[in-house]
Amino acid sequence: MRRRIMAIGVVAAILISFSAHFTAQAAAPRLKLTFNGTEATCYVMARGNGSIEIVMSLWNRNTEIAAWSATGNGVIVLNKTVTVSMGETYTLKLNGSIAGTAFPEVSISRTNWEMNK
């Protein structure tokens, strides 16, 4: 009887860990950075079960150009624009948590060239 209870406990722990792993994968945020002349459009969509807290920021080298934050449940979409310079490389960064679990920083970098529209 004791072995049976122990086995059920082990199986339950494994299932819970798999569930948390797959929830985190399904909730991976998506970032997009586009340019139109001297205007940068910064976009993020984050999905997950439970509460979501995110901070999206745009950087030029070591200088933060702009930052936005949002909280919600289920899905958060942020779509913001900011004035930038031509020929510069910008990095869009995302930090936050989904269902109380912080996710690793996500970032993308692009250079603002005319053909990069």
PDB file of N, CA and C in Angstrom:
ATOM      1  N   MET A   1       0.821  -1.195   0.000  1.00  0.00           N
ATOM      2  CA  MET A   1       0.000   0.000   0.000  1.00  0.00           C
ATOM      3  C   MET A   1       0.867   1.262   0.000  1.00  0.00           C
ATOM      4  N   ARG A   2       1.901   1.226   0.814  1.00  0.00           N
ATOM      5  CA  ARG A   2       2.787   2.381   0.917  1.00  0.00           C
ATOM      6  C   ARG A   2       3.489   2.643  -0.418  1.00  0.00           C
ATOM      7  N   ARG A   3       3.918   1.581  -1.089  1.00  0.00           N
ATOM      8  CA  ARG A   3       4.569   1.722  -2.399  1.00  0.00           C
ATOM      9  C   ARG A   3       3.610   2.314  -3.430  1.00  0.00           C
ATOM     10  N   ARG A   4       2.378   1.899  -3.372  1.00  0.00           N
ATOM     11  CA  ARG A   4       1.374   2.400  -4.322  1.00  0.00           C
ATOM     12  C   ARG A   4       1.157   3.901  -4.137  1.00  0.00           C
ATOM     13  N   ILE A   5       1.067   4.367  -2.904  1.00  0.00           N
ATOM     14  CA  ILE A   5       0.895   5.791  -2.620  1.00  0.00           C
ATOM     15  C   ILE A   5       2.126   6.565  -3.073  1.00  0.00           C
ATOM     16  N   MET A   6       3.303   5.980  -2.824  1.00  0.00           N
ATOM     17  CA  MET A   6       4.541   6.623  -3.242  1.00  0.00           C
ATOM     18  C   MET A   6       4.594   6.737  -4.769  1.00  0.00           C
ATOM     19  N   ALA A   7       4.205   5.688  -5.474  1.00  0.00           N
ATOM     20  CA  ALA A   7       4.217   5.699  -6.946  1.00  0.00           C
ATOM     21  C   ALA A   7       3.237   6.735  -7.482  1.00  0.00           C
ATOM     22  N   ILE A   8       2.084   6.833  -6.897  1.00  0.00           N
ATOM     23  CA  ILE A   8       1.090   7.830  -7.328  1.00  0.00           C
ATOM     24  C   ILE A   8       1.634   9.245  -7.109  1.00  0.00           C
ATOM     25  N   GLY A   9       2.311   9.457  -5.982  1.00  0.00           N
ATOM     26  CA  GLY A   9       2.913  10.766  -5.706  1.00  0.00           C
ATOM     27  C   GLY A   9       3.980  11.131  -6.727  1.00  0.00           C
ATOM     28  N   VAL A  10       4.812  10.162  -7.098  1.00  0.00           N
ATOM     29  CA  VAL A  10       5.859  10.415  -8.094  1.00  0.00           C
ATOM     30  C   VAL A  10       5.243  10.738  -9.446  1.00  0.00           C
ATOM     31  N   VAL A  11       4.242   9.974  -9.860  1.00  0.00           N
ATOM     32  CA  VAL A  11       3.577  10.230 -11.139  1.00  0.00           C
ATOM     33  C   VAL A  11       2.919  11.611 -11.136  1.00  0.00           C
ATOM     34  N   ALA A  12       2.287  11.976 -10.035  1.00  0.00           N
ATOM     35  CA  ALA A  12       1.647  13.300  -9.945  1.00  0.00           C
ATOM     36  C   ALA A  12       2.683  14.410 -10.056  1.00  0.00           C
ATOM     37  N   ALA A  13       3.829  14.256  -9.403  1.00  0.00           N
ATOM     38  CA  ALA A  13       4.888  15.271  -9.485  1.00  0.00           C
ATOM     39  C   ALA A  13       5.412  15.405 -10.908  1.00  0.00           C
ATOM     40  N   ILE A  14       5.575  14.291 -11.602  1.00  0.00           N
ATOM     41  CA  ILE A  14       6.041  14.329 -12.996  1.00  0.00           C
ATOM     42  C   ILE A  14       5.023  15.033 -13.876  1.00  0.00           C
ATOM     43  N   LEU A  15       3.752  14.705 -13.717  1.00  0.00           N
ATOM     44  CA  LEU A  15       2.712  15.345 -14.528  1.00  0.00           C
ATOM     45  C   LEU A  15       2.639  16.844 -14.279  1.00  0.00           C
ATOM     46  N   ILE A  16       2.790  17.262 -13.040  1.00  0.00           N
ATOM     47  CA  ILE A  16       2.756  18.692 -12.722  1.00  0.00           C
ATOM     48  C   ILE A  16       3.941  19.397 -13.368  1.00  0.00           C
ATOM     49  N   SER A  17       5.123  18.790 -13.322  1.00  0.00           N
ATOM     50  CA  SER A  17       6.294  19.437 -13.936  1.00  0.00           C
ATOM     51  C   SER A  17       6.145  19.516 -15.447  1.00  0.00           C
ATOM     52  N   PHE A  18       5.608  18.471 -16.095  1.00  0.00           N
ATOM     53  CA  PHE A  18       5.371  18.526 -17.536  1.00  0.00           C
ATOM     54  C   PHE A  18       4.353  19.600 -17.877  1.00  0.00           C
ATOM     55  N   SER A  19       3.312  19.703 -17.073  1.00  0.00           N
ATOM     56  CA  SER A  19       2.276  20.711 -17.310  1.00  0.00           C
ATOM     57  C   SER A  19       2.860  22.114 -17.247  1.00  0.00           C
ATOM     58  N   ALA A  20       3.674  22.396 -16.254  1.00  0.00           N
ATOM     59  CA  ALA A  20       4.302  23.718 -16.128  1.00  0.00           C
ATOM     60  C   ALA A  20       5.235  23.974 -17.301  1.00  0.00           C
ATOM     61  N   HIS A  21       5.963  22.957 -17.735  1.00  0.00           N
ATOM     62  CA  HIS A  21       6.893  23.109 -18.861  1.00  0.00           C
ATOM     63  C   HIS A  21       6.135  23.442 -20.148  1.00  0.00           C
ATOM     64  N   PHE A  22       5.074  22.719 -20.438  1.00  0.00           N
ATOM     65  CA  PHE A  22       4.339  22.961 -21.672  1.00  0.00           C
ATOM     66  C   PHE A  22       3.574  24.272 -21.638  1.00  0.00           C
ATOM     67  N   THR A  23       3.082  24.694 -20.467  1.00  0.00           N
ATOM     68  CA  THR A  23       2.417  25.989 -20.352  1.00  0.00           C
ATOM     69  C   THR A  23       3.394  27.108 -20.659  1.00  0.00           C
ATOM     70  N   ALA A  24       4.610  27.024 -20.135  1.00  0.00           N
ATOM     71  CA  ALA A  24       5.615  28.063 -20.388  1.00  0.00           C
ATOM     72  C   ALA A  24       5.979  28.108 -21.859  1.00  0.00           C
ATOM     73  N   GLN A  25       6.078  26.959 -22.529  1.00  0.00           N
ATOM     74  CA  GLN A  25       6.406  26.955 -23.944  1.00  0.00           C
ATOM     75  C   GLN A  25       5.277  27.571 -24.768  1.00  0.00           C
ATOM     76  N   ALA A  26       4.058  27.241 -24.460  1.00  0.00           N
ATOM     77  CA  ALA A  26       2.926  27.752 -25.222  1.00  0.00           C
ATOM     78  C   ALA A  26       2.779  29.261 -25.048  1.00  0.00           C
ATOM     79  N   ALA A  27       3.299  29.790 -23.939  1.00  0.00           N
ATOM     80  CA  ALA A  27       3.128  31.200 -23.625  1.00  0.00           C
ATOM     81  C   ALA A  27       4.293  32.058 -24.103  1.00  0.00           C
ATOM     82  N   ALA A  28       5.180  31.508 -24.937  1.00  0.00           N
ATOM     83  CA  ALA A  28       6.346  32.271 -25.393  1.00  0.00           C
ATOM     84  C   ALA A  28       5.903  33.561 -26.080  1.00  0.00           C
ATOM     85  N   PRO A  29       6.393  34.716 -25.615  1.00  0.00           N
ATOM     86  CA  PRO A  29       6.020  35.998 -26.223  1.00  0.00           C
ATOM     87  C   PRO A  29       6.614  36.160 -27.622  1.00  0.00           C
ATOM     88  N   ARG A  30       5.951  36.954 -28.442  1.00  0.00           N
ATOM     89  CA  ARG A  30       6.428  37.244 -29.800  1.00  0.00           C
ATOM     90  C   ARG A  30       6.709  38.726 -29.933  1.00  0.00           C
ATOM     91  N   LEU A  31       7.901  39.041 -30.447  1.00  0.00           N
ATOM     92  CA  LEU A  31       8.325  40.428 -30.645  1.00  0.00           C
ATOM     93  C   LEU A  31       8.464  40.723 -32.122  1.00  0.00           C
ATOM     94  N   LYS A  32       8.208  41.989 -32.470  1.00  0.00           N
ATOM     95  CA  LYS A  32       8.404  42.440 -33.843  1.00  0.00           C
ATOM     96  C   LYS A  32       8.855  43.896 -33.804  1.00  0.00           C
ATOM     97  N   LEU A  33       9.880  44.210 -34.594  1.00  0.00           N
ATOM     98  CA  LEU A  33      10.394  45.576 -34.697  1.00  0.00           C
ATOM     99  C   LEU A  33      10.492  45.927 -36.171  1.00  0.00           C
ATOM    100  N   THR A  34       9.745  46.951 -36.587  1.00  0.00           N
ATOM    101  CA  THR A  34       9.762  47.389 -37.992  1.00  0.00           C
ATOM    102  C   THR A  34      10.009  48.885 -38.051  1.00  0.00           C
ATOM    103  N   PHE A  35      10.473  49.331 -39.218  1.00  0.00           N
ATOM    104  CA  PHE A  35      10.749  50.754 -39.427  1.00  0.00           C
ATOM    105  C   PHE A  35      10.012  51.254 -40.650  1.00  0.00           C
ATOM    106  N   ASN A  36       9.596  52.524 -40.570  1.00  0.00           N
ATOM    107  CA  ASN A  36       9.025  53.233 -41.705  1.00  0.00           C
ATOM    108  C   ASN A  36       9.621  54.639 -41.651  1.00  0.00           C
ATOM    109  N   GLY A  37      10.720  54.819 -42.394  1.00  0.00           N
ATOM    110  CA  GLY A  37      11.434  56.097 -42.317  1.00  0.00           C
ATOM    111  C   GLY A  37      12.042  56.261 -40.937  1.00  0.00           C
ATOM    112  N   THR A  38      11.667  57.328 -40.251  1.00  0.00           N
ATOM    113  CA  THR A  38      12.202  57.567 -38.904  1.00  0.00           C
ATOM    114  C   THR A  38      11.221  57.152 -37.811  1.00  0.00           C
ATOM    115  N   GLU A  39      10.305  56.262 -38.134  1.00  0.00           N
ATOM    116  CA  GLU A  39       9.354  55.765 -37.145  1.00  0.00           C
ATOM    117  C   GLU A  39       9.573  54.268 -36.938  1.00  0.00           C
ATOM    118  N   ALA A  40       9.785  53.875 -35.689  1.00  0.00           N
ATOM    119  CA  ALA A  40       9.919  52.461 -35.331  1.00  0.00           C
ATOM    120  C   ALA A  40       8.604  51.995 -34.720  1.00  0.00           C
ATOM    121  N   THR A  41       8.141  50.837 -35.146  1.00  0.00           N
ATOM    122  CA  THR A  41       6.962  50.221 -34.550  1.00  0.00           C
ATOM    123  C   THR A  41       7.419  49.015 -33.748  1.00  0.00           C
ATOM    124  N   CYS A  42       7.091  49.024 -32.469  1.00  0.00           N
ATOM    125  CA  CYS A  42       7.468  47.971 -31.536  1.00  0.00           C
ATOM    126  C   CYS A  42       6.204  47.194 -31.170  1.00  0.00           C
ATOM    127  N   TYR A  43       6.252  45.885 -31.359  1.00  0.00           N
ATOM    128  CA  TYR A  43       5.065  45.049 -31.157  1.00  0.00           C
ATOM    129  C   TYR A  43       5.426  43.837 -30.307  1.00  0.00           C
ATOM    130  N   VAL A  44       4.558  43.496 -29.383  1.00  0.00           N
ATOM    131  CA  VAL A  44       4.690  42.261 -28.613  1.00  0.00           C
ATOM    132  C   VAL A  44       3.309  41.675 -28.363  1.00  0.00           C
ATOM    133  N   MET A  45       3.253  40.342 -28.400  1.00  0.00           N
ATOM    134  CA  MET A  45       2.052  39.630 -27.985  1.00  0.00           C
ATOM    135  C   MET A  45       2.496  38.532 -27.014  1.00  0.00           C
ATOM    136  N   ALA A  46       1.910  38.529 -25.835  1.00  0.00           N
ATOM    137  CA  ALA A  46       2.220  37.527 -24.823  1.00  0.00           C
ATOM    138  C   ALA A  46       0.922  36.823 -24.432  1.00  0.00           C
ATOM    139  N   ARG A  47       0.967  35.501 -24.387  1.00  0.00           N
ATOM    140  CA  ARG A  47      -0.204  34.697 -24.009  1.00  0.00           C
ATOM    141  C   ARG A  47       0.160  33.784 -22.856  1.00  0.00           C
ATOM    142  N   GLY A  48      -0.811  33.479 -22.040  1.00  0.00           N
ATOM    143  CA  GLY A  48      -0.573  32.524 -20.965  1.00  0.00           C
ATOM    144  C   GLY A  48      -1.798  32.366 -20.095  1.00  0.00           C
ATOM    145  N   ASN A  49      -1.755  31.342 -19.290  1.00  0.00           N
ATOM    146  CA  ASN A  49      -2.828  31.113 -18.328  1.00  0.00           C
ATOM    147  C   ASN A  49      -2.527  31.929 -17.087  1.00  0.00           C
ATOM    148  N   GLY A  50      -3.479  32.709 -16.654  1.00  0.00           N
ATOM    149  CA  GLY A  50      -3.280  33.527 -15.460  1.00  0.00           C
ATOM    150  C   GLY A  50      -2.827  34.928 -15.801  1.00  0.00           C
ATOM    151  N   SER A  51      -2.243  35.573 -14.822  1.00  0.00           N
ATOM    152  CA  SER A  51      -1.852  36.975 -14.986  1.00  0.00           C
ATOM    153  C   SER A  51      -0.557  37.097 -15.785  1.00  0.00           C
ATOM    154  N   ILE A  52      -0.464  38.169 -16.541  1.00  0.00           N
ATOM    155  CA  ILE A  52       0.713  38.451 -17.361  1.00  0.00           C
ATOM    156  C   ILE A  52       1.171  39.872 -17.030  1.00  0.00           C
ATOM    157  N   GLU A  53       2.464  40.020 -16.818  1.00  0.00           N
ATOM    158  CA  GLU A  53       3.075  41.342 -16.608  1.00  0.00           C
ATOM    159  C   GLU A  53       4.259  41.443 -17.553  1.00  0.00           C
ATOM    160  N   ILE A  54       4.299  42.503 -18.374  1.00  0.00           N
ATOM    161  CA  ILE A  54       5.406  42.661 -19.311  1.00  0.00           C
ATOM    162  C   ILE A  54       5.926  44.097 -19.316  1.00  0.00           C
ATOM    163  N   VAL A  55       7.199  44.232 -19.662  1.00  0.00           N
ATOM    164  CA  VAL A  55       7.818  45.529 -19.908  1.00  0.00           C
ATOM    165  C   VAL A  55       8.577  45.402 -21.223  1.00  0.00           C
ATOM    166  N   MET A  56       8.203  46.220 -22.203  1.00  0.00           N
ATOM    167  CA  MET A  56       8.844  46.249 -23.515  1.00  0.00           C
ATOM    168  C   MET A  56       9.654  47.537 -23.598  1.00  0.00           C
ATOM    169  N   SER A  57      10.915  47.433 -24.038  1.00  0.00           N
ATOM    170  CA  SER A  57      11.747  48.639 -24.128  1.00  0.00           C
ATOM    171  C   SER A  57      12.556  48.628 -25.421  1.00  0.00           C
ATOM    172  N   LEU A  58      12.769  49.806 -25.973  1.00  0.00           N
ATOM    173  CA  LEU A  58      13.557  49.969 -27.194  1.00  0.00           C
ATOM    174  C   LEU A  58      14.868  50.641 -26.832  1.00  0.00           C
ATOM    175  N   TRP A  59      15.986  50.052 -27.306  1.00  0.00           N
ATOM    176  CA  TRP A  59      17.330  50.516 -26.969  1.00  0.00           C
ATOM    177  C   TRP A  59      18.121  50.836 -28.220  1.00  0.00           C
ATOM    178  N   ASN A  60      18.972  51.867 -28.121  1.00  0.00           N
ATOM    179  CA  ASN A  60      19.986  52.174 -29.132  1.00  0.00           C
ATOM    180  C   ASN A  60      21.312  52.097 -28.390  1.00  0.00           C
ATOM    181  N   ARG A  61      22.059  51.048 -28.663  1.00  0.00           N
ATOM    182  CA  ARG A  61      23.293  50.741 -27.914  1.00  0.00           C
ATOM    183  C   ARG A  61      22.945  50.598 -26.436  1.00  0.00           C
ATOM    184  N   ASN A  62      23.491  51.456 -25.568  1.00  0.00           N
ATOM    185  CA  ASN A  62      23.232  51.379 -24.125  1.00  0.00           C
ATOM    186  C   ASN A  62      22.216  52.413 -23.654  1.00  0.00           C
ATOM    187  N   THR A  63      21.514  53.048 -24.590  1.00  0.00           N
ATOM    188  CA  THR A  63      20.553  54.092 -24.238  1.00  0.00           C
ATOM    189  C   THR A  63      19.129  53.601 -24.472  1.00  0.00           C
ATOM    190  N   GLU A  64      18.330  53.671 -23.416  1.00  0.00           N
ATOM    191  CA  GLU A  64      16.925  53.304 -23.554  1.00  0.00           C
ATOM    192  C   GLU A  64      16.174  54.456 -24.220  1.00  0.00           C
ATOM    193  N   ILE A  65      15.527  54.173 -25.340  1.00  0.00           N
ATOM    194  CA  ILE A  65      14.777  55.187 -26.094  1.00  0.00           C
ATOM    195  C   ILE A  65      13.365  55.356 -25.536  1.00  0.00           C
ATOM    196  N   ALA A  66      12.714  54.239 -25.246  1.00  0.00           N
ATOM    197  CA  ALA A  66      11.342  54.276 -24.728  1.00  0.00           C
ATOM    198  C   ALA A  66      11.047  52.953 -24.043  1.00  0.00           C
ATOM    199  N   ALA A  67      10.063  52.954 -23.138  1.00  0.00           N
ATOM    200  CA  ALA A  67       9.636  51.732 -22.458  1.00  0.00           C
ATOM    201  C   ALA A  67       8.137  51.800 -22.192  1.00  0.00           C
ATOM    202  N   TRP A  68       7.503  50.655 -22.271  1.00  0.00           N
ATOM    203  CA  TRP A  68       6.073  50.540 -22.027  1.00  0.00           C
ATOM    204  C   TRP A  68       5.822  49.294 -21.203  1.00  0.00           C
ATOM    205  N   SER A  69       4.801  49.327 -20.365  1.00  0.00           N
ATOM    206  CA  SER A  69       4.455  48.152 -19.567  1.00  0.00           C
ATOM    207  C   SER A  69       2.963  47.885 -19.674  1.00  0.00           C
ATOM    208  N   ALA A  70       2.606  46.645 -19.390  1.00  0.00           N
ATOM    209  CA  ALA A  70       1.196  46.264 -19.423  1.00  0.00           C
ATOM    210  C   ALA A  70       0.985  45.058 -18.522  1.00  0.00           C
ATOM    211  N   THR A  71      -0.219  44.948 -17.991  1.00  0.00           N
ATOM    212  CA  THR A  71      -0.620  43.778 -17.216  1.00  0.00           C
ATOM    213  C   THR A  71      -1.990  43.339 -17.694  1.00  0.00           C
ATOM    214  N   GLY A  72      -2.273  42.075 -17.511  1.00  0.00           N
ATOM    215  CA  GLY A  72      -3.573  41.560 -17.912  1.00  0.00           C
ATOM    216  C   GLY A  72      -3.646  40.066 -17.691  1.00  0.00           C
ATOM    217  N   ASN A  73      -4.696  39.468 -18.216  1.00  0.00           N
ATOM    218  CA  ASN A  73      -4.910  38.027 -18.113  1.00  0.00           C
ATOM    219  C   ASN A  73      -5.135  37.445 -19.499  1.00  0.00           C
ATOM    220  N   GLY A  74      -4.557  36.290 -19.751  1.00  0.00           N
ATOM    221  CA  GLY A  74      -4.786  35.601 -21.016  1.00  0.00           C
ATOM    222  C   GLY A  74      -3.896  36.063 -22.150  1.00  0.00           C
ATOM    223  N   VAL A  75      -4.131  37.286 -22.657  1.00  0.00           N
ATOM    224  CA  VAL A  75      -3.364  37.812 -23.785  1.00  0.00           C
ATOM    225  C   VAL A  75      -3.103  39.303 -23.573  1.00  0.00           C
ATOM    226  N   ILE A  76      -1.874  39.711 -23.857  1.00  0.00           N
ATOM    227  CA  ILE A  76      -1.535  41.140 -23.869  1.00  0.00           C
ATOM    228  C   ILE A  76      -0.899  41.451 -25.212  1.00  0.00           C
ATOM    229  N   VAL A  77      -1.358  42.527 -25.838  1.00  0.00           N
ATOM    230  CA  VAL A  77      -0.763  43.008 -27.080  1.00  0.00           C
ATOM    231  C   VAL A  77      -0.367  44.469 -26.858  1.00  0.00           C
ATOM    232  N   LEU A  78       0.898  44.762 -27.125  1.00  0.00           N
ATOM    233  CA  LEU A  78       1.382  46.145 -27.104  1.00  0.00           C
ATOM    234  C   LEU A  78       1.881  46.473 -28.497  1.00  0.00           C
ATOM    235  N   ASN A  79       1.455  47.588 -29.040  1.00  0.00           N
ATOM    236  CA  ASN A  79       1.873  48.041 -30.363  1.00  0.00           C
ATOM    237  C   ASN A  79       2.140  49.540 -30.247  1.00  0.00           C
ATOM    238  N   LYS A  80       3.411  49.922 -30.168  1.00  0.00           N
ATOM    239  CA  LYS A  80       3.781  51.314 -29.919  1.00  0.00           C
ATOM    240  C   LYS A  80       4.733  51.813 -31.000  1.00  0.00           C
ATOM    241  N   THR A  81       4.714  53.132 -31.237  1.00  0.00           N
ATOM    242  CA  THR A  81       5.635  53.739 -32.201  1.00  0.00           C
ATOM    243  C   THR A  81       6.471  54.804 -31.509  1.00  0.00           C
ATOM    244  N   VAL A  82       7.670  55.008 -32.046  1.00  0.00           N
ATOM    245  CA  VAL A  82       8.584  55.990 -31.489  1.00  0.00           C
ATOM    246  C   VAL A  82       9.478  56.499 -32.623  1.00  0.00           C
ATOM    247  N   THR A  83       9.918  57.734 -32.529  1.00  0.00           N
ATOM    248  CA  THR A  83      10.798  58.322 -33.544  1.00  0.00           C
ATOM    249  C   THR A  83      12.225  57.838 -33.327  1.00  0.00           C
ATOM    250  N   VAL A  84      12.868  57.440 -34.436  1.00  0.00           N
ATOM    251  CA  VAL A  84      14.245  56.937 -34.392  1.00  0.00           C
ATOM    252  C   VAL A  84      15.058  57.575 -35.510  1.00  0.00           C
ATOM    253  N   SER A  85      16.348  57.284 -35.549  1.00  0.00           N
ATOM    254  CA  SER A  85      17.231  57.817 -36.583  1.00  0.00           C
ATOM    255  C   SER A  85      17.524  56.762 -37.637  1.00  0.00           C
ATOM    256  N   MET A  86      17.784  57.216 -38.850  1.00  0.00           N
ATOM    257  CA  MET A  86      18.153  56.305 -39.941  1.00  0.00           C
ATOM    258  C   MET A  86      19.577  55.794 -39.713  1.00  0.00           C
ATOM    259  N   GLY A  87      19.841  54.559 -40.152  1.00  0.00           N
ATOM    260  CA  GLY A  87      21.173  53.991 -40.101  1.00  0.00           C
ATOM    261  C   GLY A  87      21.621  53.503 -38.737  1.00  0.00           C
ATOM    262  N   GLU A  88      20.777  53.588 -37.741  1.00  0.00           N
ATOM    263  CA  GLU A  88      21.122  53.138 -36.384  1.00  0.00           C
ATOM    264  C   GLU A  88      20.538  51.747 -36.128  1.00  0.00           C
ATOM    265  N   THR A  89      21.205  50.996 -35.267  1.00  0.00           N
ATOM    266  CA  THR A  89      20.714  49.672 -34.875  1.00  0.00           C
ATOM    267  C   THR A  89      19.979  49.791 -33.550  1.00  0.00           C
ATOM    268  N   TYR A  90      18.796  49.215 -33.496  1.00  0.00           N
ATOM    269  CA  TYR A  90      17.945  49.268 -32.311  1.00  0.00           C
ATOM    270  C   TYR A  90      17.652  47.853 -31.824  1.00  0.00           C
ATOM    271  N   THR A  91      17.495  47.730 -30.506  1.00  0.00           N
ATOM    272  CA  THR A  91      17.162  46.443 -29.895  1.00  0.00           C
ATOM    273  C   THR A  91      15.871  46.596 -29.117  1.00  0.00           C
ATOM    274  N   LEU A  92      14.924  45.721 -29.409  1.00  0.00           N
ATOM    275  CA  LEU A  92      13.656  45.681 -28.693  1.00  0.00           C
ATOM    276  C   LEU A  92      13.754  44.550 -27.666  1.00  0.00           C
ATOM    277  N   LYS A  93      13.544  44.888 -26.388  1.00  0.00           N
ATOM    278  CA  LYS A  93      13.680  43.913 -25.307  1.00  0.00           C
ATOM    279  C   LYS A  93      12.345  43.724 -24.599  1.00  0.00           C
ATOM    280  N   LEU A  94      12.123  42.501 -24.134  1.00  0.00           N
ATOM    281  CA  LEU A  94      10.902  42.190 -23.396  1.00  0.00           C
ATOM    282  C   LEU A  94      11.259  41.410 -22.137  1.00  0.00           C
ATOM    283  N   ASN A  95      10.741  41.874 -21.014  1.00  0.00           N
ATOM    284  CA  ASN A  95      10.885  41.190 -19.727  1.00  0.00           C
ATOM    285  C   ASN A  95       9.509  41.066 -19.105  1.00  0.00           C
ATOM    286  N   GLY A  96       9.347  40.080 -18.233  1.00  0.00           N
ATOM    287  CA  GLY A  96       8.071  39.967 -17.550  1.00  0.00           C
ATOM    288  C   GLY A  96       7.840  38.615 -16.941  1.00  0.00           C
ATOM    289  N   SER A  97       6.580  38.361 -16.599  1.00  0.00           N
ATOM    290  CA  SER A  97       6.201  37.085 -16.002  1.00  0.00           C
ATOM    291  C   SER A  97       4.828  36.675 -16.494  1.00  0.00           C
ATOM    292  N   ILE A  98       4.638  35.362 -16.519  1.00  0.00           N
ATOM    293  CA  ILE A  98       3.352  34.782 -16.889  1.00  0.00           C
ATOM    294  C   ILE A  98       2.965  33.818 -15.777  1.00  0.00           C
ATOM    295  N   ALA A  99       1.798  34.042 -15.210  1.00  0.00           N
ATOM    296  CA  ALA A  99       1.300  33.228 -14.095  1.00  0.00           C
ATOM    297  C   ALA A  99       2.303  33.208 -12.941  1.00  0.00           C
ATOM    298  N   GLY A 100       2.948  34.359 -12.700  1.00  0.00           N
ATOM    299  CA  GLY A 100       3.865  34.474 -11.593  1.00  0.00           C
ATOM    300  C   GLY A 100       5.261  33.916 -11.835  1.00  0.00           C
ATOM    301  N   THR A 101       5.504  33.369 -13.030  1.00  0.00           N
ATOM    302  CA  THR A 101       6.818  32.815 -13.354  1.00  0.00           C
ATOM    303  C   THR A 101       7.507  33.720 -14.359  1.00  0.00           C
ATOM    304  N   ALA A 102       8.665  34.255 -13.973  1.00  0.00           N
ATOM    305  CA  ALA A 102       9.414  35.137 -14.878  1.00  0.00           C
ATOM    306  C   ALA A 102       9.928  34.337 -16.069  1.00  0.00           C
ATOM    307  N   PHE A 103       9.855  34.943 -17.253  1.00  0.00           N
ATOM    308  CA  PHE A 103      10.434  34.293 -18.430  1.00  0.00           C
ATOM    309  C   PHE A 103      11.755  34.987 -18.776  1.00  0.00           C
ATOM    310  N   PRO A 104      12.655  34.281 -19.446  1.00  0.00           N
ATOM    311  CA  PRO A 104      13.941  34.890 -19.812  1.00  0.00           C
ATOM    312  C   PRO A 104      13.725  36.078 -20.746  1.00  0.00           C
ATOM    313  N   GLU A 105      14.609  37.075 -20.646  1.00  0.00           N
ATOM    314  CA  GLU A 105      14.490  38.235 -21.524  1.00  0.00           C
ATOM    315  C   GLU A 105      14.501  37.794 -22.980  1.00  0.00           C
ATOM    316  N   VAL A 106      13.605  38.389 -23.751  1.00  0.00           N
ATOM    317  CA  VAL A 106      13.514  38.141 -25.187  1.00  0.00           C
ATOM    318  C   VAL A 106      13.916  39.433 -25.876  1.00  0.00           C
ATOM    319  N   SER A 107      14.714  39.354 -26.943  1.00  0.00           N
ATOM    320  CA  SER A 107      15.106  40.582 -27.633  1.00  0.00           C
ATOM    321  C   SER A 107      15.339  40.312 -29.118  1.00  0.00           C
ATOM    322  N   ILE A 108      15.162  41.370 -29.910  1.00  0.00           N
ATOM    323  CA  ILE A 108      15.504  41.340 -31.329  1.00  0.00           C
ATOM    324  C   ILE A 108      16.193  42.654 -31.664  1.00  0.00           C
ATOM    325  N   SER A 109      17.113  42.602 -32.618  1.00  0.00           N
ATOM    326  CA  SER A 109      17.824  43.810 -33.062  1.00  0.00           C
ATOM    327  C   SER A 109      17.673  43.963 -34.563  1.00  0.00           C
ATOM    328  N   ARG A 110      17.493  45.211 -34.990  1.00  0.00           N
ATOM    329  CA  ARG A 110      17.403  45.533 -36.415  1.00  0.00           C
ATOM    330  C   ARG A 110      18.022  46.900 -36.647  1.00  0.00           C
ATOM    331  N   THR A 111      18.523  47.085 -37.866  1.00  0.00           N
ATOM    332  CA  THR A 111      19.071  48.381 -38.260  1.00  0.00           C
ATOM    333  C   THR A 111      18.053  49.094 -39.130  1.00  0.00           C
ATOM    334  N   ASN A 112      17.878  50.381 -38.866  1.00  0.00           N
ATOM    335  CA  ASN A 112      16.894  51.176 -39.595  1.00  0.00           C
ATOM    336  C   ASN A 112      17.464  51.657 -40.929  1.00  0.00           C
ATOM    337  N   TRP A 113      17.346  50.815 -41.935  1.00  0.00           N
ATOM    338  CA  TRP A 113      17.684  51.203 -43.307  1.00  0.00           C
ATOM    339  C   TRP A 113      16.391  51.409 -44.054  1.00  0.00           C
ATOM    340  N   GLU A 114      16.417  52.166 -45.138  1.00  0.00           N
ATOM    341  CA  GLU A 114      15.211  52.441 -45.909  1.00  0.00           C
ATOM    342  C   GLU A 114      14.566  51.164 -46.418  1.00  0.00           C
ATOM    343  N   MET A 115      15.389  50.180 -46.810  1.00  0.00           N
ATOM    344  CA  MET A 115      14.843  48.926 -47.340  1.00  0.00           C
ATOM    345  C   MET A 115      14.245  48.044 -46.245  1.00  0.00           C
ATOM    346  N   ASN A 116      14.344  48.441 -45.000  1.00  0.00           N
ATOM    347  CA  ASN A 116      13.907  47.650 -43.856  1.00  0.00           C
ATOM    348  C   ASN A 116      12.456  47.907 -43.472  1.00  0.00           C
ATOM    349  N   LYS A 117      11.674  48.451 -44.361  1.00  0.00           N
ATOM    350  CA  LYS A 117      10.294  48.821 -44.056  1.00  0.00           C
ATOM    351  C   LYS A 117       9.446  47.614 -43.785  1.00  0.00           C
TER     352      LYS A 117
END
